[in-house]
Structures are given as C-alpha cells and as structure tokens.
Amino acid sequence: MTPTATILLVEDEPPIRRLIRRALESLGYQLLEACNGAQALELASHHQGEIDLLLTDVVMPRMDGFTLRDKLAESRPTTRVLFLSGYADQSTTVRGGLDETGEAFLLKPFTRDRLLASIQSRLSVEAAASA
C-alpha cells in the first residue's frame, strides 16, 4: 500500500532534512518542505489540500516547533504533529514543552525505520479519530 498522506517537513539542518525527505519520498508520501517556521506557514497557506502531519524540529531559529504548531493549528486544526528533537534529554525547557503538548516526539538521532514507524503511528491515530 502506497502512503497518500501529505507531510509538512520543517527542519533547519539541511542534511537532516534531505535524509528525511529521501526516506519519505521513497515511500510515496507527498512532502512540503521548509527550513523554518515562517517558510512552513507560507507553504501551508498556499497548499490547497490537507496537511496530514506536521513533522517539525522543536529547536529552530526564529520560531520553535511549538509556536509553529500553534500557528498552523489556527488554519489547520486537524493536522497531527510529530516533533523531532536532539535536545529533549538535555534541556528542561524542551522536555517540559514536549510533556506539556502531549504530542508525540522522536529523539534525534533516529533510524529510518523508527522515523517511519512514528509517522505511521501518528497517521493511524488520525485515521482512527476520524473514523
């Protein structure tokens, strides 16, 4: 079965963003790709279809992933979120924010299989909620 979900990928580190993009595109996901929160919101505002999942880094310059999620939810309240973070174990601010959101997160570094399993889990939660 080919995935049909649209994922908004937001990652400020180009090598990490490229790796994630390759993994997801190879499975057939439709991607909207941004290097920061402002660019992500711009892409989302021009995208006509659904955005099934926001896959975003938590710690980014100018706009963190939590703020991005909140702003995106204003126009797309049904979009699921999967946060990525390399700092959750080290930063009480990041850890507190992740705990407070109740959203899923994936600790960097992660394997391709772990990323895909986490995405599939978030998308299946969405499908179950809308059934």
N, C-alpha and C. Protein backbone atom coordinates (compact mmCIF):
# COMPACT_ATOMS: atom_id res chain seq x y z
N MET A 1 0.84 -1.19 0.00
CA MET A 1 0.00 0.00 0.00
C MET A 1 0.88 1.25 0.00
N THR A 2 0.63 2.16 -0.91
CA THR A 2 1.41 3.39 -1.02
C THR A 2 0.79 4.46 -0.12
N PRO A 3 1.63 5.10 0.71
CA PRO A 3 1.10 6.18 1.54
C PRO A 3 0.55 7.30 0.67
N THR A 4 -0.52 7.91 1.13
CA THR A 4 -1.12 9.02 0.39
C THR A 4 -1.13 10.30 1.20
N ALA A 5 -0.54 10.28 2.37
CA ALA A 5 -0.57 11.43 3.26
C ALA A 5 0.37 12.53 2.79
N THR A 6 -0.01 13.75 3.14
CA THR A 6 0.83 14.90 2.89
C THR A 6 1.48 15.30 4.21
N ILE A 7 2.80 15.44 4.17
CA ILE A 7 3.58 15.78 5.36
C ILE A 7 4.28 17.11 5.15
N LEU A 8 4.14 18.00 6.10
CA LEU A 8 4.88 19.26 6.12
C LEU A 8 6.12 19.03 6.97
N LEU A 9 7.27 18.94 6.33
CA LEU A 9 8.55 18.68 6.98
C LEU A 9 9.25 20.01 7.24
N VAL A 10 9.57 20.26 8.51
CA VAL A 10 10.23 21.51 8.87
C VAL A 10 11.47 21.17 9.70
N GLU A 11 12.64 21.41 9.10
CA GLU A 11 13.91 21.07 9.74
C GLU A 11 14.94 22.09 9.26
N ASP A 12 15.62 22.74 10.21
CA ASP A 12 16.56 23.78 9.83
C ASP A 12 17.94 23.26 9.43
N GLU A 13 18.23 22.00 9.67
CA GLU A 13 19.52 21.41 9.28
C GLU A 13 19.37 20.72 7.93
N PRO A 14 19.97 21.29 6.87
CA PRO A 14 19.79 20.73 5.52
C PRO A 14 20.12 19.24 5.40
N PRO A 15 21.21 18.72 5.98
CA PRO A 15 21.48 17.29 5.82
C PRO A 15 20.40 16.40 6.43
N ILE A 16 19.88 16.79 7.56
CA ILE A 16 18.81 16.02 8.21
C ILE A 16 17.54 16.10 7.38
N ARG A 17 17.23 17.30 6.89
CA ARG A 17 16.04 17.48 6.07
C ARG A 17 16.12 16.64 4.80
N ARG A 18 17.29 16.59 4.17
CA ARG A 18 17.46 15.78 2.95
C ARG A 18 17.26 14.29 3.23
N LEU A 19 17.83 13.81 4.32
CA LEU A 19 17.68 12.40 4.67
C LEU A 19 16.22 12.03 4.91
N ILE A 20 15.52 12.87 5.65
CA ILE A 20 14.10 12.61 5.92
C ILE A 20 13.30 12.67 4.63
N ARG A 21 13.59 13.66 3.80
CA ARG A 21 12.87 13.80 2.52
C ARG A 21 13.04 12.55 1.67
N ARG A 22 14.27 12.07 1.53
CA ARG A 22 14.52 10.87 0.72
C ARG A 22 13.75 9.67 1.25
N ALA A 23 13.79 9.49 2.56
CA ALA A 23 13.10 8.34 3.17
C ALA A 23 11.60 8.40 2.90
N LEU A 24 11.01 9.56 3.06
CA LEU A 24 9.56 9.69 2.91
C LEU A 24 9.11 9.66 1.45
N GLU A 25 9.87 10.31 0.59
CA GLU A 25 9.51 10.30 -0.83
C GLU A 25 9.63 8.90 -1.42
N SER A 26 10.60 8.13 -0.94
CA SER A 26 10.78 6.77 -1.47
C SER A 26 9.56 5.90 -1.17
N LEU A 27 8.78 6.28 -0.16
CA LEU A 27 7.58 5.53 0.18
C LEU A 27 6.31 6.14 -0.40
N GLY A 28 6.44 7.26 -1.09
CA GLY A 28 5.29 7.84 -1.76
C GLY A 28 4.57 8.94 -1.02
N TYR A 29 5.10 9.36 0.13
CA TYR A 29 4.46 10.48 0.82
C TYR A 29 4.62 11.74 0.00
N GLN A 30 3.60 12.61 0.03
CA GLN A 30 3.71 13.93 -0.59
C GLN A 30 4.33 14.85 0.46
N LEU A 31 5.37 15.58 0.08
CA LEU A 31 6.06 16.43 1.04
C LEU A 31 5.97 17.89 0.67
N LEU A 32 5.79 18.68 1.71
CA LEU A 32 6.00 20.12 1.66
C LEU A 32 7.20 20.32 2.56
N GLU A 33 8.23 20.97 2.08
CA GLU A 33 9.50 21.04 2.80
C GLU A 33 9.88 22.48 3.10
N ALA A 34 10.20 22.73 4.37
CA ALA A 34 10.57 24.08 4.80
C ALA A 34 11.79 24.02 5.72
N CYS A 35 12.56 25.12 5.70
CA CYS A 35 13.76 25.19 6.55
C CYS A 35 13.50 25.97 7.83
N ASN A 36 12.31 26.56 7.97
CA ASN A 36 11.98 27.29 9.19
C ASN A 36 10.47 27.45 9.31
N GLY A 37 10.03 27.94 10.45
CA GLY A 37 8.61 28.07 10.71
C GLY A 37 7.89 29.02 9.78
N ALA A 38 8.50 30.15 9.48
CA ALA A 38 7.86 31.13 8.60
C ALA A 38 7.64 30.55 7.21
N GLN A 39 8.64 29.87 6.69
CA GLN A 39 8.51 29.24 5.37
C GLN A 39 7.44 28.15 5.40
N ALA A 40 7.37 27.40 6.49
CA ALA A 40 6.36 26.35 6.64
C ALA A 40 4.96 26.94 6.60
N LEU A 41 4.74 28.02 7.31
CA LEU A 41 3.42 28.65 7.33
C LEU A 41 3.05 29.19 5.95
N GLU A 42 4.04 29.73 5.24
CA GLU A 42 3.81 30.22 3.88
C GLU A 42 3.41 29.07 2.95
N LEU A 43 4.13 27.96 3.02
CA LEU A 43 3.79 26.79 2.21
C LEU A 43 2.38 26.29 2.52
N ALA A 44 2.07 26.21 3.79
CA ALA A 44 0.76 25.72 4.23
C ALA A 44 -0.36 26.62 3.73
N SER A 45 -0.11 27.92 3.72
CA SER A 45 -1.16 28.86 3.30
C SER A 45 -1.48 28.72 1.81
N HIS A 46 -0.53 28.25 1.02
CA HIS A 46 -0.75 28.11 -0.42
C HIS A 46 -1.12 26.68 -0.83
N HIS A 47 -1.05 25.76 0.09
CA HIS A 47 -1.36 24.36 -0.23
C HIS A 47 -2.87 24.15 -0.20
N GLN A 48 -3.41 23.66 -1.29
CA GLN A 48 -4.86 23.51 -1.43
C GLN A 48 -5.43 22.32 -0.67
N GLY A 49 -4.67 21.24 -0.56
CA GLY A 49 -5.19 20.03 0.06
C GLY A 49 -4.93 19.97 1.55
N GLU A 50 -5.21 18.80 2.10
CA GLU A 50 -4.97 18.56 3.52
C GLU A 50 -3.47 18.47 3.78
N ILE A 51 -3.10 18.82 4.99
CA ILE A 51 -1.76 18.52 5.51
C ILE A 51 -2.01 17.57 6.66
N ASP A 52 -1.65 16.32 6.44
CA ASP A 52 -1.97 15.28 7.41
C ASP A 52 -1.07 15.29 8.63
N LEU A 53 0.19 15.68 8.42
CA LEU A 53 1.16 15.63 9.51
C LEU A 53 2.15 16.77 9.41
N LEU A 54 2.38 17.43 10.53
CA LEU A 54 3.47 18.39 10.67
C LEU A 54 4.60 17.64 11.34
N LEU A 55 5.70 17.47 10.64
CA LEU A 55 6.89 16.81 11.15
C LEU A 55 7.93 17.91 11.33
N THR A 56 8.13 18.33 12.58
CA THR A 56 8.95 19.52 12.80
C THR A 56 9.97 19.36 13.91
N ASP A 57 11.11 19.97 13.68
CA ASP A 57 12.12 20.09 14.73
C ASP A 57 11.54 21.01 15.80
N VAL A 58 11.95 20.80 17.03
CA VAL A 58 11.49 21.67 18.11
C VAL A 58 12.35 22.93 18.19
N VAL A 59 13.66 22.76 18.17
CA VAL A 59 14.58 23.89 18.34
C VAL A 59 15.05 24.37 16.98
N MET A 60 14.54 25.56 16.61
CA MET A 60 14.93 26.19 15.34
C MET A 60 15.07 27.69 15.57
N PRO A 61 15.87 28.35 14.74
CA PRO A 61 15.98 29.81 14.87
C PRO A 61 14.66 30.51 14.55
N ARG A 62 14.39 31.59 15.21
CA ARG A 62 13.26 32.49 14.98
C ARG A 62 11.90 31.98 15.40
N MET A 63 11.60 30.71 15.15
CA MET A 63 10.30 30.17 15.55
C MET A 63 10.49 28.71 15.93
N ASP A 64 10.21 28.39 17.19
CA ASP A 64 10.36 26.99 17.61
C ASP A 64 9.18 26.15 17.10
N GLY A 65 9.34 24.86 17.21
CA GLY A 65 8.32 23.94 16.72
C GLY A 65 6.99 24.07 17.44
N PHE A 66 7.02 24.43 18.73
CA PHE A 66 5.77 24.59 19.48
C PHE A 66 4.97 25.77 18.94
N THR A 67 5.65 26.87 18.69
CA THR A 67 4.99 28.06 18.14
C THR A 67 4.45 27.78 16.75
N LEU A 68 5.25 27.09 15.94
CA LEU A 68 4.81 26.71 14.61
C LEU A 68 3.54 25.87 14.68
N ARG A 69 3.53 24.89 15.55
CA ARG A 69 2.34 24.03 15.70
C ARG A 69 1.11 24.87 16.05
N ASP A 70 1.28 25.80 17.00
CA ASP A 70 0.16 26.64 17.41
C ASP A 70 -0.35 27.52 16.26
N LYS A 71 0.55 28.11 15.51
CA LYS A 71 0.15 28.98 14.40
C LYS A 71 -0.50 28.17 13.27
N LEU A 72 0.05 26.99 12.98
CA LEU A 72 -0.53 26.16 11.94
C LEU A 72 -1.93 25.69 12.34
N ALA A 73 -2.12 25.41 13.60
CA ALA A 73 -3.42 24.92 14.10
C ALA A 73 -4.52 25.95 13.91
N GLU A 74 -4.18 27.23 13.82
CA GLU A 74 -5.19 28.27 13.60
C GLU A 74 -5.94 28.05 12.28
N SER A 75 -5.21 27.61 11.25
CA SER A 75 -5.83 27.40 9.94
C SER A 75 -6.03 25.93 9.61
N ARG A 76 -5.32 25.04 10.32
CA ARG A 76 -5.39 23.61 10.04
C ARG A 76 -5.46 22.82 11.36
N PRO A 77 -6.58 22.90 12.03
CA PRO A 77 -6.68 22.30 13.37
C PRO A 77 -6.63 20.78 13.40
N THR A 78 -6.84 20.13 12.28
CA THR A 78 -6.82 18.66 12.28
C THR A 78 -5.46 18.06 11.95
N THR A 79 -4.48 18.90 11.63
CA THR A 79 -3.15 18.39 11.30
C THR A 79 -2.49 17.79 12.54
N ARG A 80 -2.06 16.55 12.43
CA ARG A 80 -1.32 15.87 13.50
C ARG A 80 0.10 16.39 13.53
N VAL A 81 0.78 16.14 14.67
CA VAL A 81 2.14 16.66 14.86
C VAL A 81 3.05 15.54 15.35
N LEU A 82 4.25 15.53 14.81
CA LEU A 82 5.33 14.71 15.33
C LEU A 82 6.54 15.61 15.47
N PHE A 83 6.94 15.85 16.72
CA PHE A 83 8.10 16.70 16.98
C PHE A 83 9.38 15.88 16.90
N LEU A 84 10.43 16.52 16.41
CA LEU A 84 11.76 15.95 16.39
C LEU A 84 12.64 16.80 17.30
N SER A 85 13.48 16.16 18.09
CA SER A 85 14.37 16.94 18.94
C SER A 85 15.63 16.17 19.27
N GLY A 86 16.74 16.87 19.21
CA GLY A 86 18.01 16.33 19.68
C GLY A 86 18.34 16.83 21.06
N TYR A 87 17.45 17.63 21.64
CA TYR A 87 17.73 18.27 22.92
C TYR A 87 16.82 17.83 24.06
N ALA A 88 15.88 16.97 23.80
CA ALA A 88 14.88 16.64 24.82
C ALA A 88 15.50 16.06 26.09
N ASP A 89 16.56 15.30 25.95
CA ASP A 89 17.19 14.74 27.14
C ASP A 89 18.02 15.77 27.90
N GLN A 90 18.49 16.81 27.20
CA GLN A 90 19.41 17.77 27.78
C GLN A 90 18.74 19.05 28.27
N SER A 91 17.65 19.41 27.71
CA SER A 91 17.02 20.70 28.01
C SER A 91 15.70 20.53 28.74
N THR A 92 15.62 21.10 29.92
CA THR A 92 14.37 21.03 30.67
C THR A 92 13.27 21.84 29.97
N THR A 93 13.64 22.90 29.26
CA THR A 93 12.65 23.70 28.53
C THR A 93 12.02 22.87 27.42
N VAL A 94 12.86 22.19 26.64
CA VAL A 94 12.34 21.37 25.55
C VAL A 94 11.54 20.21 26.12
N ARG A 95 12.08 19.54 27.11
CA ARG A 95 11.39 18.40 27.72
C ARG A 95 10.05 18.85 28.30
N GLY A 96 10.04 19.97 28.99
CA GLY A 96 8.80 20.50 29.55
C GLY A 96 7.79 20.82 28.48
N GLY A 97 8.25 21.41 27.39
CA GLY A 97 7.36 21.73 26.28
C GLY A 97 6.79 20.50 25.63
N LEU A 98 7.61 19.48 25.46
CA LEU A 98 7.12 18.23 24.88
C LEU A 98 6.12 17.56 25.80
N ASP A 99 6.40 17.53 27.09
CA ASP A 99 5.48 16.93 28.03
C ASP A 99 4.15 17.69 28.06
N GLU A 100 4.23 19.02 27.99
CA GLU A 100 3.04 19.87 28.06
C GLU A 100 2.14 19.70 26.83
N THR A 101 2.74 19.51 25.66
CA THR A 101 1.94 19.41 24.44
C THR A 101 1.16 18.11 24.37
N GLY A 102 1.71 17.06 24.96
CA GLY A 102 1.07 15.76 24.84
C GLY A 102 1.22 15.16 23.45
N GLU A 103 1.98 15.83 22.58
CA GLU A 103 2.20 15.35 21.22
C GLU A 103 3.35 14.35 21.21
N ALA A 104 3.38 13.54 20.19
CA ALA A 104 4.45 12.56 20.02
C ALA A 104 5.74 13.27 19.64
N PHE A 105 6.86 12.67 20.05
CA PHE A 105 8.13 13.19 19.61
C PHE A 105 9.11 12.06 19.39
N LEU A 106 10.09 12.36 18.57
CA LEU A 106 11.13 11.41 18.22
C LEU A 106 12.46 12.05 18.54
N LEU A 107 13.25 11.37 19.35
CA LEU A 107 14.54 11.89 19.78
C LEU A 107 15.59 11.63 18.71
N LYS A 108 16.31 12.67 18.33
CA LYS A 108 17.43 12.53 17.39
C LYS A 108 18.64 12.00 18.16
N PRO A 109 19.48 11.23 17.53
CA PRO A 109 19.36 10.65 16.20
C PRO A 109 18.38 9.48 16.22
N PHE A 110 17.78 9.21 15.09
CA PHE A 110 16.83 8.11 14.98
C PHE A 110 17.12 7.35 13.69
N THR A 111 16.64 6.13 13.63
CA THR A 111 16.82 5.33 12.42
C THR A 111 15.68 5.62 11.45
N ARG A 112 15.89 5.26 10.22
CA ARG A 112 14.85 5.41 9.19
C ARG A 112 13.60 4.63 9.60
N ASP A 113 13.81 3.40 10.08
CA ASP A 113 12.67 2.57 10.48
C ASP A 113 11.90 3.19 11.64
N ARG A 114 12.60 3.75 12.59
CA ARG A 114 11.93 4.39 13.74
C ARG A 114 11.14 5.61 13.29
N LEU A 115 11.72 6.40 12.39
CA LEU A 115 11.02 7.57 11.85
C LEU A 115 9.73 7.13 11.15
N LEU A 116 9.84 6.15 10.28
CA LEU A 116 8.67 5.70 9.52
C LEU A 116 7.61 5.11 10.44
N ALA A 117 8.03 4.34 11.44
CA ALA A 117 7.06 3.77 12.39
C ALA A 117 6.35 4.87 13.16
N SER A 118 7.08 5.90 13.57
CA SER A 118 6.48 7.02 14.31
C SER A 118 5.48 7.78 13.45
N ILE A 119 5.84 7.99 12.19
CA ILE A 119 4.93 8.69 11.27
C ILE A 119 3.67 7.85 11.05
N GLN A 120 3.84 6.58 10.78
CA GLN A 120 2.69 5.71 10.55
C GLN A 120 1.79 5.66 11.78
N SER A 121 2.40 5.66 12.96
CA SER A 121 1.61 5.65 14.19
C SER A 121 0.78 6.93 14.32
N ARG A 122 1.38 8.08 14.06
CA ARG A 122 0.65 9.35 14.14
C ARG A 122 -0.47 9.41 13.11
N LEU A 123 -0.20 8.93 11.90
CA LEU A 123 -1.21 8.97 10.86
C LEU A 123 -2.33 7.98 11.14
N SER A 124 -2.03 6.85 11.74
CA SER A 124 -3.09 5.90 12.07
C SER A 124 -3.96 6.40 13.21
N VAL A 125 -3.38 7.18 14.12
CA VAL A 125 -4.16 7.83 15.17
C VAL A 125 -5.16 8.78 14.53
N GLU A 126 -4.70 9.51 13.50
CA GLU A 126 -5.58 10.43 12.78
C GLU A 126 -6.71 9.68 12.10
N ALA A 127 -6.38 8.57 11.46
CA ALA A 127 -7.41 7.82 10.76
C ALA A 127 -8.44 7.25 11.74
N ALA A 128 -7.97 6.77 12.87
CA ALA A 128 -8.88 6.20 13.87
C ALA A 128 -9.78 7.30 14.45
N ALA A 129 -9.24 8.49 14.64
CA ALA A 129 -10.01 9.59 15.22
C ALA A 129 -11.11 10.07 14.26
N SER A 130 -10.86 9.96 12.96
CA SER A 130 -11.85 10.45 12.01
C SER A 130 -12.83 9.37 11.56
N ALA A 131 -12.60 8.13 12.01
CA ALA A 131 -13.50 7.03 11.60
C ALA A 131 -14.79 7.03 12.38
